[in-house]
């Protein structure tokens, strides 16, 4: 019984050590790209306002290689039509942060998609 508890304790200690080694608190900050996939999109219409005061958007977004993905997010204000956005996306939480950027800041593959 003591051997089992010793082995279990060592496994727990090793797991905690590995977690502390790979844990990066910067990944928890919404506007930090660490641990997030960055997508780019353009506002193509007005957002729908739900029960809360927020505006909901569901848009087609592209990663740096130009691969397409449908993303939904909300904003506290109506976003400008034609504005280009950089979206910080995680699999678990979805879009964690967005910011408006210029056309020149878009990756070349995404610029070509919006010029067509």
N, C-alpha and C. Protein backbone atom coordinates (compact mmCIF):
# COMPACT_ATOMS: atom_id res chain seq x y z
N UNK A 1 0.83 -1.20 0.00
CA UNK A 1 0.00 0.00 0.00
C UNK A 1 0.87 1.25 0.00
N UNK A 2 1.97 1.22 0.77
CA UNK A 2 2.85 2.38 0.83
C UNK A 2 3.52 2.64 -0.52
N UNK A 3 3.84 1.56 -1.25
CA UNK A 3 4.46 1.71 -2.56
C UNK A 3 3.50 2.39 -3.55
N UNK A 4 2.24 2.00 -3.48
CA UNK A 4 1.23 2.58 -4.38
C UNK A 4 1.07 4.07 -4.09
N UNK A 5 1.01 4.43 -2.81
CA UNK A 5 0.88 5.85 -2.45
C UNK A 5 2.12 6.63 -2.85
N UNK A 6 3.30 6.03 -2.72
CA UNK A 6 4.55 6.69 -3.12
C UNK A 6 4.58 6.93 -4.62
N UNK A 7 4.19 5.93 -5.39
CA UNK A 7 4.17 6.07 -6.85
C UNK A 7 3.12 7.10 -7.27
N UNK A 8 1.96 7.06 -6.65
CA UNK A 8 0.91 8.04 -6.96
C UNK A 8 1.37 9.44 -6.62
N UNK A 9 2.04 9.62 -5.49
CA UNK A 9 2.56 10.92 -5.10
C UNK A 9 3.61 11.43 -6.08
N UNK A 10 4.49 10.55 -6.55
CA UNK A 10 5.52 10.94 -7.52
C UNK A 10 4.90 11.35 -8.86
N UNK A 11 3.85 10.64 -9.27
CA UNK A 11 3.16 10.99 -10.51
C UNK A 11 2.51 12.37 -10.38
N UNK A 12 1.90 12.65 -9.26
CA UNK A 12 1.26 13.95 -9.04
C UNK A 12 2.32 15.06 -9.03
N UNK A 13 3.42 14.85 -8.34
CA UNK A 13 4.50 15.85 -8.29
C UNK A 13 5.06 16.08 -9.69
N UNK A 14 5.28 15.01 -10.47
CA UNK A 14 5.79 15.15 -11.83
C UNK A 14 4.80 15.92 -12.70
N UNK A 15 3.52 15.64 -12.54
CA UNK A 15 2.50 16.36 -13.31
C UNK A 15 2.47 17.84 -12.98
N UNK A 16 2.55 18.17 -11.72
CA UNK A 16 2.56 19.57 -11.30
C UNK A 16 3.81 20.28 -11.85
N UNK A 17 4.95 19.60 -11.81
CA UNK A 17 6.19 20.20 -12.33
C UNK A 17 6.09 20.45 -13.83
N UNK A 18 5.54 19.49 -14.58
CA UNK A 18 5.36 19.68 -16.02
C UNK A 18 4.40 20.83 -16.31
N UNK A 19 3.31 20.91 -15.56
CA UNK A 19 2.34 21.99 -15.75
C UNK A 19 3.01 23.34 -15.52
N UNK A 20 3.78 23.46 -14.46
CA UNK A 20 4.45 24.73 -14.15
C UNK A 20 5.49 25.07 -15.21
N UNK A 21 6.12 24.06 -15.79
CA UNK A 21 7.13 24.30 -16.82
C UNK A 21 6.51 24.84 -18.10
N UNK A 22 5.36 24.27 -18.50
CA UNK A 22 4.73 24.66 -19.76
C UNK A 22 3.69 25.76 -19.61
N UNK A 23 3.27 26.09 -18.41
CA UNK A 23 2.25 27.11 -18.18
C UNK A 23 2.80 28.49 -18.52
N UNK A 24 2.04 29.24 -19.28
CA UNK A 24 2.43 30.59 -19.65
C UNK A 24 1.25 31.51 -19.34
N UNK A 25 1.34 32.35 -18.30
CA UNK A 25 0.19 33.19 -17.94
C UNK A 25 -0.17 34.20 -19.02
N UNK A 26 0.75 34.49 -19.96
CA UNK A 26 0.42 35.43 -21.04
C UNK A 26 -0.68 34.88 -21.94
N UNK A 27 -0.84 33.56 -21.99
CA UNK A 27 -1.89 32.97 -22.82
C UNK A 27 -3.29 33.34 -22.33
N UNK A 28 -3.41 33.74 -21.07
CA UNK A 28 -4.71 34.08 -20.51
C UNK A 28 -5.14 35.50 -20.83
N UNK A 29 -4.22 36.35 -21.28
CA UNK A 29 -4.53 37.73 -21.60
C UNK A 29 -5.23 37.76 -22.97
N UNK A 30 -6.45 38.31 -23.06
CA UNK A 30 -7.22 38.23 -24.31
C UNK A 30 -6.52 38.83 -25.53
N UNK A 31 -5.82 39.96 -25.39
CA UNK A 31 -5.23 40.60 -26.57
C UNK A 31 -3.79 40.16 -26.84
N UNK A 32 -3.33 39.10 -26.20
CA UNK A 32 -2.01 38.55 -26.45
C UNK A 32 -2.16 37.38 -27.41
N UNK A 33 -1.45 37.39 -28.54
CA UNK A 33 -1.62 36.31 -29.52
C UNK A 33 -1.05 34.96 -29.09
N UNK A 34 -0.35 34.90 -27.96
CA UNK A 34 0.23 33.63 -27.51
C UNK A 34 -0.87 32.60 -27.27
N UNK A 35 -0.75 31.46 -27.92
CA UNK A 35 -1.73 30.39 -27.74
C UNK A 35 -3.03 30.59 -28.50
N UNK A 36 -3.10 31.58 -29.36
CA UNK A 36 -4.33 31.86 -30.11
C UNK A 36 -4.04 31.82 -31.61
N UNK A 37 -5.06 31.49 -32.39
CA UNK A 37 -4.97 31.55 -33.84
C UNK A 37 -5.51 32.90 -34.27
N UNK A 38 -4.79 33.56 -35.15
CA UNK A 38 -5.22 34.88 -35.61
C UNK A 38 -5.93 34.73 -36.96
N UNK A 39 -7.12 35.30 -37.01
CA UNK A 39 -7.91 35.33 -38.24
C UNK A 39 -8.18 36.77 -38.62
N UNK A 40 -8.51 36.97 -39.90
CA UNK A 40 -8.77 38.31 -40.43
C UNK A 40 -10.11 38.29 -41.13
N UNK A 41 -10.87 39.37 -40.96
CA UNK A 41 -12.17 39.46 -41.60
C UNK A 41 -12.50 40.90 -41.93
N UNK A 42 -13.58 41.08 -42.67
CA UNK A 42 -14.06 42.42 -43.01
C UNK A 42 -15.53 42.49 -42.63
N UNK A 43 -15.93 43.58 -42.01
CA UNK A 43 -17.33 43.79 -41.62
C UNK A 43 -18.13 44.04 -42.90
N UNK A 44 -19.12 43.17 -43.13
CA UNK A 44 -19.90 43.27 -44.37
C UNK A 44 -21.35 43.67 -44.14
N UNK A 45 -21.73 43.89 -42.90
CA UNK A 45 -23.11 44.28 -42.63
C UNK A 45 -23.27 44.66 -41.18
N UNK A 46 -24.42 45.15 -40.81
CA UNK A 46 -24.63 45.53 -39.41
C UNK A 46 -24.75 44.29 -38.53
N UNK A 47 -24.30 44.42 -37.32
CA UNK A 47 -24.43 43.33 -36.36
C UNK A 47 -25.84 43.26 -35.82
N UNK A 48 -26.24 42.08 -35.40
CA UNK A 48 -27.57 41.93 -34.82
C UNK A 48 -27.47 42.14 -33.31
N UNK A 49 -28.36 42.95 -32.79
CA UNK A 49 -28.34 43.25 -31.37
C UNK A 49 -29.26 42.28 -30.65
N UNK A 50 -28.69 41.55 -29.68
CA UNK A 50 -29.46 40.58 -28.92
C UNK A 50 -30.13 41.21 -27.72
N UNK A 51 -30.42 40.40 -26.72
CA UNK A 51 -31.06 40.88 -25.50
C UNK A 51 -30.15 41.83 -24.74
N UNK A 52 -28.85 41.59 -24.83
CA UNK A 52 -27.91 42.50 -24.15
C UNK A 52 -27.65 43.70 -25.05
N UNK A 53 -26.83 44.58 -24.60
CA UNK A 53 -26.51 45.79 -25.37
C UNK A 53 -25.44 45.52 -26.43
N UNK A 54 -24.97 44.29 -26.57
CA UNK A 54 -23.88 43.95 -27.48
C UNK A 54 -24.39 43.63 -28.88
N UNK A 55 -23.54 43.85 -29.87
CA UNK A 55 -23.83 43.55 -31.26
C UNK A 55 -23.14 42.25 -31.64
N UNK A 56 -23.88 41.30 -32.19
CA UNK A 56 -23.35 39.99 -32.55
C UNK A 56 -23.05 39.94 -34.04
N UNK A 57 -21.90 39.36 -34.37
CA UNK A 57 -21.46 39.23 -35.75
C UNK A 57 -21.12 37.77 -36.03
N UNK A 58 -21.48 37.29 -37.20
CA UNK A 58 -21.07 35.98 -37.68
C UNK A 58 -20.53 36.19 -39.09
N UNK A 59 -19.21 36.07 -39.23
CA UNK A 59 -18.54 36.42 -40.47
C UNK A 59 -17.59 35.32 -40.91
N UNK A 60 -17.26 35.34 -42.19
CA UNK A 60 -16.23 34.48 -42.72
C UNK A 60 -14.88 35.14 -42.46
N UNK A 61 -13.97 34.39 -41.86
CA UNK A 61 -12.65 34.92 -41.55
C UNK A 61 -11.59 34.01 -42.19
N UNK A 62 -10.38 34.55 -42.34
CA UNK A 62 -9.29 33.82 -43.00
C UNK A 62 -8.05 33.88 -42.13
N UNK A 63 -7.29 32.76 -42.10
CA UNK A 63 -6.01 32.79 -41.40
C UNK A 63 -4.94 33.33 -42.33
N UNK A 64 -3.68 33.30 -41.92
CA UNK A 64 -2.60 33.90 -42.70
C UNK A 64 -2.41 33.22 -44.05
N UNK A 65 -2.78 31.95 -44.15
CA UNK A 65 -2.65 31.22 -45.42
C UNK A 65 -3.87 31.38 -46.33
N UNK A 66 -4.90 32.05 -45.83
CA UNK A 66 -6.10 32.26 -46.61
C UNK A 66 -7.15 31.18 -46.44
N UNK A 67 -6.98 30.31 -45.44
CA UNK A 67 -7.97 29.27 -45.19
C UNK A 67 -9.18 29.86 -44.48
N UNK A 68 -10.36 29.46 -44.93
CA UNK A 68 -11.63 30.05 -44.48
C UNK A 68 -12.17 29.38 -43.23
N UNK A 69 -12.83 30.18 -42.37
CA UNK A 69 -13.50 29.66 -41.16
C UNK A 69 -14.62 30.62 -40.80
N UNK A 70 -15.77 30.08 -40.43
CA UNK A 70 -16.90 30.88 -39.95
C UNK A 70 -16.69 31.16 -38.46
N UNK A 71 -16.65 32.43 -38.08
CA UNK A 71 -16.46 32.81 -36.69
C UNK A 71 -17.58 33.75 -36.26
N UNK A 72 -17.95 33.63 -35.00
CA UNK A 72 -18.93 34.56 -34.43
C UNK A 72 -18.32 35.21 -33.20
N UNK A 73 -18.66 36.48 -33.01
CA UNK A 73 -18.16 37.25 -31.88
C UNK A 73 -19.11 38.40 -31.61
N UNK A 74 -18.89 39.10 -30.52
CA UNK A 74 -19.74 40.25 -30.21
C UNK A 74 -18.87 41.46 -29.92
N UNK A 75 -19.49 42.62 -30.04
CA UNK A 75 -18.81 43.89 -29.79
C UNK A 75 -19.75 44.78 -29.01
N UNK A 76 -19.18 45.68 -28.25
CA UNK A 76 -19.98 46.59 -27.44
C UNK A 76 -20.54 47.76 -28.22
N UNK A 77 -20.16 47.87 -29.50
CA UNK A 77 -20.66 48.95 -30.35
C UNK A 77 -20.87 48.41 -31.76
N UNK A 78 -21.61 49.15 -32.56
CA UNK A 78 -21.80 48.80 -33.96
C UNK A 78 -20.48 49.06 -34.68
N UNK A 79 -19.95 48.05 -35.37
CA UNK A 79 -18.68 48.20 -36.06
C UNK A 79 -18.89 48.80 -37.44
N UNK A 80 -17.89 49.54 -37.88
CA UNK A 80 -17.95 50.25 -39.15
C UNK A 80 -17.96 49.28 -40.32
N UNK A 81 -18.91 49.45 -41.23
CA UNK A 81 -18.98 48.61 -42.42
C UNK A 81 -17.74 48.82 -43.27
N UNK A 82 -17.13 47.71 -43.72
CA UNK A 82 -15.91 47.77 -44.52
C UNK A 82 -14.63 47.76 -43.70
N UNK A 83 -14.76 47.74 -42.38
CA UNK A 83 -13.57 47.73 -41.51
C UNK A 83 -12.94 46.34 -41.53
N UNK A 84 -11.62 46.29 -41.51
CA UNK A 84 -10.88 45.04 -41.44
C UNK A 84 -10.54 44.76 -39.97
N UNK A 85 -10.75 43.52 -39.56
CA UNK A 85 -10.51 43.16 -38.17
C UNK A 85 -9.52 42.01 -38.07
N UNK A 86 -8.73 42.06 -37.00
CA UNK A 86 -7.86 40.96 -36.63
C UNK A 86 -8.51 40.30 -35.43
N UNK A 87 -8.81 39.00 -35.53
CA UNK A 87 -9.52 38.27 -34.48
C UNK A 87 -8.58 37.28 -33.81
N UNK A 88 -8.57 37.26 -32.48
CA UNK A 88 -7.78 36.30 -31.71
C UNK A 88 -8.71 35.18 -31.28
N UNK A 89 -8.49 33.98 -31.80
CA UNK A 89 -9.41 32.86 -31.63
C UNK A 89 -8.76 31.71 -30.87
N UNK A 90 -9.52 31.11 -29.94
CA UNK A 90 -9.11 29.87 -29.28
C UNK A 90 -10.22 28.85 -29.48
N UNK A 91 -9.86 27.59 -29.51
CA UNK A 91 -10.86 26.53 -29.73
C UNK A 91 -11.90 26.48 -28.63
N UNK A 92 -11.48 26.69 -27.41
CA UNK A 92 -12.40 26.55 -26.28
C UNK A 92 -13.30 27.77 -26.13
N UNK A 93 -12.73 28.96 -26.18
CA UNK A 93 -13.48 30.19 -25.89
C UNK A 93 -13.96 30.93 -27.14
N UNK A 94 -13.52 30.57 -28.32
CA UNK A 94 -13.89 31.29 -29.53
C UNK A 94 -13.06 32.55 -29.67
N UNK A 95 -13.66 33.60 -30.21
CA UNK A 95 -12.95 34.88 -30.39
C UNK A 95 -12.82 35.56 -29.03
N UNK A 96 -11.59 35.74 -28.59
CA UNK A 96 -11.33 36.35 -27.27
C UNK A 96 -11.12 37.85 -27.37
N UNK A 97 -10.66 38.32 -28.53
CA UNK A 97 -10.32 39.74 -28.68
C UNK A 97 -10.34 40.07 -30.17
N UNK A 98 -10.67 41.29 -30.49
CA UNK A 98 -10.60 41.76 -31.87
C UNK A 98 -10.06 43.17 -31.87
N UNK A 99 -9.46 43.56 -32.98
CA UNK A 99 -9.01 44.94 -33.14
C UNK A 99 -9.06 45.30 -34.62
N UNK A 100 -9.37 46.56 -34.89
CA UNK A 100 -9.45 47.03 -36.26
C UNK A 100 -8.04 47.28 -36.79
N UNK A 101 -7.81 46.87 -38.04
CA UNK A 101 -6.52 47.08 -38.69
C UNK A 101 -6.76 47.66 -40.08
N UNK A 102 -5.70 48.09 -40.74
CA UNK A 102 -5.80 48.63 -42.09
C UNK A 102 -5.63 47.51 -43.10
N UNK A 103 -5.98 47.78 -44.35
CA UNK A 103 -5.84 46.79 -45.42
C UNK A 103 -4.38 46.39 -45.58
N UNK A 104 -3.47 47.33 -45.42
CA UNK A 104 -2.04 47.05 -45.58
C UNK A 104 -1.50 46.10 -44.51
N UNK A 105 -2.16 46.03 -43.35
CA UNK A 105 -1.72 45.15 -42.27
C UNK A 105 -2.20 43.71 -42.45
N UNK A 106 -3.10 43.48 -43.41
CA UNK A 106 -3.55 42.12 -43.70
C UNK A 106 -2.43 41.33 -44.35
N UNK A 107 -2.36 40.01 -44.09
CA UNK A 107 -1.38 39.17 -44.81
C UNK A 107 -1.69 39.19 -46.31
N UNK A 108 -0.67 38.96 -47.12
CA UNK A 108 -0.83 39.03 -48.59
C UNK A 108 -1.92 38.08 -49.09
N UNK A 109 -1.99 36.86 -48.54
CA UNK A 109 -3.00 35.90 -48.99
C UNK A 109 -4.41 36.42 -48.72
N UNK A 110 -4.60 37.09 -47.61
CA UNK A 110 -5.93 37.63 -47.26
C UNK A 110 -6.22 38.87 -48.10
N UNK A 111 -5.21 39.69 -48.36
CA UNK A 111 -5.40 40.87 -49.22
C UNK A 111 -5.90 40.45 -50.60
N UNK A 112 -5.34 39.38 -51.13
CA UNK A 112 -5.76 38.90 -52.46
C UNK A 112 -7.21 38.43 -52.44
N UNK A 113 -7.65 37.84 -51.35
CA UNK A 113 -9.04 37.39 -51.26
C UNK A 113 -10.02 38.55 -51.26
N UNK A 114 -9.65 39.66 -50.63
CA UNK A 114 -10.54 40.82 -50.56
C UNK A 114 -10.44 41.71 -51.79
N UNK A 115 -9.40 41.56 -52.60
CA UNK A 115 -9.29 42.36 -53.82
C UNK A 115 -10.12 41.77 -54.95
N UNK A 116 -10.45 40.46 -54.85
CA UNK A 116 -11.19 39.80 -55.94
C UNK A 116 -12.62 40.25 -56.00
